[in-house]
Amino acid sequence: MILILLASAIVLLGVGIAVGGAIANRRRPTPLPQASNQQLKMMGVVVPGDERVPVLARDWNGMRLALWRSKVAWDIVARSAEELLDRCAHMEGCPGKTEEAQACLRDCPDRELRMSTLVILNAARQFAPIDARKPADAPYFAPSREKFSATVVELAVAQAELEALRGAKLTEPPAESTVLPQLKEAT
C-alpha cells in the first residue's frame, strides 16, 4: 500500500515538473504593433469631433433648459397643427379626411390650408428633440460680474461685426433729440 502511494506521488511529481517546465519554456506572444491615430480614425475607433471639452455646469444646464424649451414649443406647434387639421372641411369621399398621408380631392375647400398645416406638422415632428426632459429644479446661480461683463463685451463685438458687414452705423446716438418741444420746456 505504501509502495503504491509512493509510486503515484513520484508519477504526479514527474507530471508536475513536465507541465511546469513546458509552461516556463513557452514563448510569450509578440505584442501587436500599436495602431497610429490615423489608422484608428480609419477603423472608426476614434471619431474626429468626439473629443471631450470642458463646459461650465451653468452653460450645460442652460443648454439643457433651452433644449427642453424647444421641445415644449414644438409640442405646442404640433398640437395646434393637429387642431387645424381636424377643423379642415372636406368633400364627400375625400381620402384626406381619414388618412393623414392621403391627398385631398381637388374640390376640397380647405385643401391648401390642409397641405400647409401638414408641412408645419411634419416639421414639428421632424425637428423636435426626441428626448428633452425638463431639468430638475436645480438651484439658480446668477452669473458673476465677470461672466456678465464678458457676455456684454461679446455682444458688443458681435454687433460691431454685424455693422461692419452691413456697412451701417447702428450704435451712433441719434443726431437730433426726439423729445417733443413741449416736454423740453417742462424739464
Protein backbone atom coordinates (compact mmCIF):
# COMPACT_ATOMS: atom_id res chain seq x y z
CA MET A 1 0.00 0.00 0.00
CA ILE A 2 2.78 2.36 0.90
CA LEU A 3 4.58 1.41 -2.30
CA ILE A 4 1.51 2.29 -4.36
CA LEU A 5 1.21 5.70 -2.71
CA LEU A 6 4.91 6.35 -3.16
CA ALA A 7 4.73 5.36 -6.84
CA SER A 8 1.71 7.59 -7.53
CA ALA A 9 3.42 10.51 -5.77
CA ILE A 10 6.52 10.08 -7.97
CA VAL A 11 4.38 9.94 -11.12
CA LEU A 12 2.45 13.06 -10.11
CA LEU A 13 5.67 14.87 -9.26
CA GLY A 14 7.09 14.00 -12.67
CA VAL A 15 3.97 15.19 -14.48
CA GLY A 16 4.01 18.43 -12.48
CA ILE A 17 7.63 19.07 -13.36
CA ALA A 18 6.99 18.32 -17.02
CA VAL A 19 3.97 20.62 -17.17
CA GLY A 20 5.71 23.35 -15.19
CA GLY A 21 8.70 23.16 -17.47
CA ALA A 22 6.51 23.40 -20.54
CA ILE A 23 4.78 26.45 -19.13
CA ALA A 24 8.08 28.05 -18.20
CA ASN A 25 9.62 27.34 -21.61
CA ARG A 26 6.57 28.54 -23.61
CA ARG A 27 7.23 31.69 -25.66
CA ARG A 28 5.21 34.74 -24.89
CA PRO A 29 3.27 36.03 -27.90
CA THR A 30 4.76 39.07 -29.56
CA PRO A 31 2.70 42.19 -28.90
CA LEU A 32 0.70 43.55 -31.81
CA PRO A 33 2.03 46.77 -33.30
CA GLN A 34 0.26 49.85 -31.99
CA ALA A 35 -2.11 51.44 -34.48
CA SER A 36 -1.48 55.06 -35.35
CA ASN A 37 -4.09 57.73 -34.72
CA GLN A 38 -4.82 57.84 -38.47
CA GLN A 39 -5.42 54.07 -38.54
CA LEU A 40 -7.70 54.31 -35.52
CA LYS A 41 -9.70 57.01 -37.31
CA MET A 42 -9.98 54.84 -40.42
CA MET A 43 -11.20 51.89 -38.35
CA GLY A 44 -13.82 54.07 -36.69
CA VAL A 45 -12.36 53.73 -33.20
CA VAL A 46 -11.54 57.42 -32.93
CA VAL A 47 -14.07 59.79 -34.46
CA PRO A 48 -12.98 63.37 -35.08
CA GLY A 49 -15.16 65.74 -33.11
CA ASP A 50 -15.73 63.35 -30.22
CA GLU A 51 -13.12 64.97 -28.07
CA ARG A 52 -14.17 65.95 -24.60
CA VAL A 53 -14.11 69.63 -23.83
CA PRO A 54 -14.75 71.29 -20.50
CA VAL A 55 -18.12 73.02 -20.29
CA LEU A 56 -19.22 75.02 -17.32
CA ALA A 57 -22.12 73.44 -15.45
CA ARG A 58 -24.07 76.69 -15.76
CA ASP A 59 -23.71 76.62 -19.55
CA TRP A 60 -24.57 72.92 -19.72
CA ASN A 61 -27.73 73.44 -17.66
CA GLY A 62 -28.63 76.40 -19.87
CA MET A 63 -28.29 74.23 -22.98
CA ARG A 64 -30.45 71.51 -21.42
CA LEU A 65 -33.08 74.09 -20.48
CA ALA A 66 -33.06 75.55 -24.00
CA LEU A 67 -33.46 72.06 -25.46
CA TRP A 68 -36.41 71.38 -23.16
CA ARG A 69 -37.99 74.72 -24.11
CA SER A 70 -37.65 73.91 -27.80
CA LYS A 71 -39.29 70.51 -27.22
CA VAL A 72 -42.20 72.19 -25.44
CA ALA A 73 -42.52 74.75 -28.24
CA TRP A 74 -42.52 72.07 -30.96
CA ASP A 75 -45.15 70.11 -29.00
CA ILE A 76 -47.36 73.22 -28.93
CA VAL A 77 -46.86 73.66 -32.68
CA ALA A 78 -47.76 70.00 -33.32
CA ARG A 79 -50.92 70.21 -31.18
CA SER A 80 -52.04 73.41 -32.92
CA ALA A 81 -51.40 71.89 -36.35
CA GLU A 82 -53.40 68.79 -35.43
CA GLU A 83 -56.28 71.01 -34.29
CA LEU A 84 -56.17 72.84 -37.63
CA LEU A 85 -56.21 69.52 -39.46
CA ASP A 86 -59.29 68.44 -37.53
CA ARG A 87 -61.08 71.68 -38.47
CA CYS A 88 -60.42 71.35 -42.21
CA ALA A 89 -63.53 70.89 -44.34
CA HIS A 90 -63.57 68.00 -46.83
CA MET A 91 -65.76 66.90 -49.71
CA GLU A 92 -67.72 63.65 -49.52
CA GLY A 93 -65.43 60.69 -50.12
CA CYS A 94 -62.21 62.65 -49.61
CA PRO A 95 -59.41 60.25 -48.60
CA GLY A 96 -57.65 63.04 -46.70
CA LYS A 97 -60.50 63.12 -44.19
CA THR A 98 -59.44 59.84 -42.58
CA GLU A 99 -55.84 59.38 -43.75
CA GLU A 100 -53.20 61.99 -42.96
CA ALA A 101 -50.89 60.66 -45.69
CA GLN A 102 -53.53 60.85 -48.43
CA ALA A 103 -54.07 63.93 -50.57
CA CYS A 104 -57.34 65.80 -50.55
CA LEU A 105 -59.61 65.94 -53.56
CA ARG A 106 -59.23 68.93 -55.86
CA ASP A 107 -62.62 70.29 -54.81
CA CYS A 108 -61.97 70.25 -51.04
CA PRO A 109 -62.50 73.79 -49.68
CA ASP A 110 -59.57 73.67 -47.21
CA ARG A 111 -57.15 71.76 -49.42
CA GLU A 112 -54.41 74.44 -49.37
CA LEU A 113 -54.82 75.04 -45.64
CA ARG A 114 -54.55 71.30 -45.02
CA MET A 115 -51.37 71.00 -47.08
CA SER A 116 -49.75 73.95 -45.29
CA THR A 117 -50.78 72.51 -41.94
CA LEU A 118 -49.29 69.14 -42.86
CA VAL A 119 -45.99 70.86 -43.69
CA ILE A 120 -45.99 72.53 -40.27
CA LEU A 121 -46.97 69.31 -38.51
CA ASN A 122 -44.27 67.28 -40.23
CA ALA A 123 -41.64 69.94 -39.47
CA ALA A 124 -42.68 69.86 -35.81
CA ARG A 125 -42.37 66.09 -35.76
CA GLN A 126 -39.02 66.12 -37.57
CA PHE A 127 -37.24 68.93 -35.76
CA ALA A 128 -38.48 68.41 -32.21
CA PRO A 129 -35.88 66.82 -29.95
CA ILE A 130 -36.62 63.16 -29.33
CA ASP A 131 -35.92 63.24 -25.63
CA ALA A 132 -35.69 66.53 -23.80
CA ARG A 133 -36.73 66.13 -20.21
CA LYS A 134 -37.18 69.15 -18.04
CA PRO A 135 -34.10 69.64 -15.92
CA ALA A 136 -34.70 69.05 -12.26
CA ASP A 137 -35.40 72.08 -10.17
CA ALA A 138 -31.74 72.85 -9.95
CA PRO A 139 -30.68 75.87 -7.97
CA TYR A 140 -30.26 79.03 -9.99
CA PHE A 141 -26.93 80.78 -9.77
CA ALA A 142 -26.83 84.31 -11.09
CA PRO A 143 -23.89 84.99 -13.39
CA SER A 144 -20.85 86.55 -11.80
CA ARG A 145 -19.92 90.11 -12.70
CA GLU A 146 -17.03 88.82 -14.77
CA LYS A 147 -19.26 86.42 -16.72
CA PHE A 148 -21.87 89.12 -17.28
CA SER A 149 -19.24 91.64 -18.41
CA ALA A 150 -17.69 89.09 -20.77
CA THR A 151 -21.13 88.36 -22.26
CA VAL A 152 -21.83 92.08 -22.77
CA VAL A 153 -18.43 92.50 -24.44
CA GLU A 154 -19.13 89.53 -26.74
CA LEU A 155 -22.48 91.07 -27.69
CA ALA A 156 -20.83 94.44 -28.43
CA VAL A 157 -18.19 92.75 -30.59
CA ALA A 158 -20.87 90.80 -32.46
CA GLN A 159 -22.87 93.97 -33.03
CA ALA A 160 -19.77 95.77 -34.33
CA GLU A 161 -19.06 92.88 -36.70
CA LEU A 162 -22.64 92.97 -37.97
CA GLU A 163 -22.37 96.72 -38.54
CA ALA A 164 -19.14 96.22 -40.46
CA LEU A 165 -20.80 93.58 -42.61
CA ARG A 166 -23.84 95.73 -43.24
CA GLY A 167 -21.90 98.95 -43.68
CA ALA A 168 -24.22 100.75 -41.26
CA LYS A 169 -23.61 102.53 -38.01
CA LEU A 170 -26.39 101.46 -35.67
CA THR A 171 -24.71 102.34 -32.40
CA GLU A 172 -24.36 106.07 -33.04
CA PRO A 173 -26.74 108.18 -30.99
CA PRO A 174 -29.48 109.96 -32.93
CA ALA A 175 -28.36 113.29 -34.36
CA GLU A 176 -31.34 115.20 -33.04
CA SER A 177 -33.33 114.69 -29.88
CA THR A 178 -36.71 113.11 -30.46
CA VAL A 179 -38.24 114.72 -27.35
CA LEU A 180 -41.22 116.94 -28.15
CA PRO A 181 -40.68 120.70 -27.65
CA GLN A 182 -43.43 120.84 -25.00
CA LEU A 183 -41.56 118.27 -22.91
CA LYS A 184 -38.28 120.21 -23.23
CA GLU A 185 -39.91 123.29 -21.74
CA ALA A 186 -41.36 121.28 -18.85
CA THR A 187 -37.96 119.89 -17.88
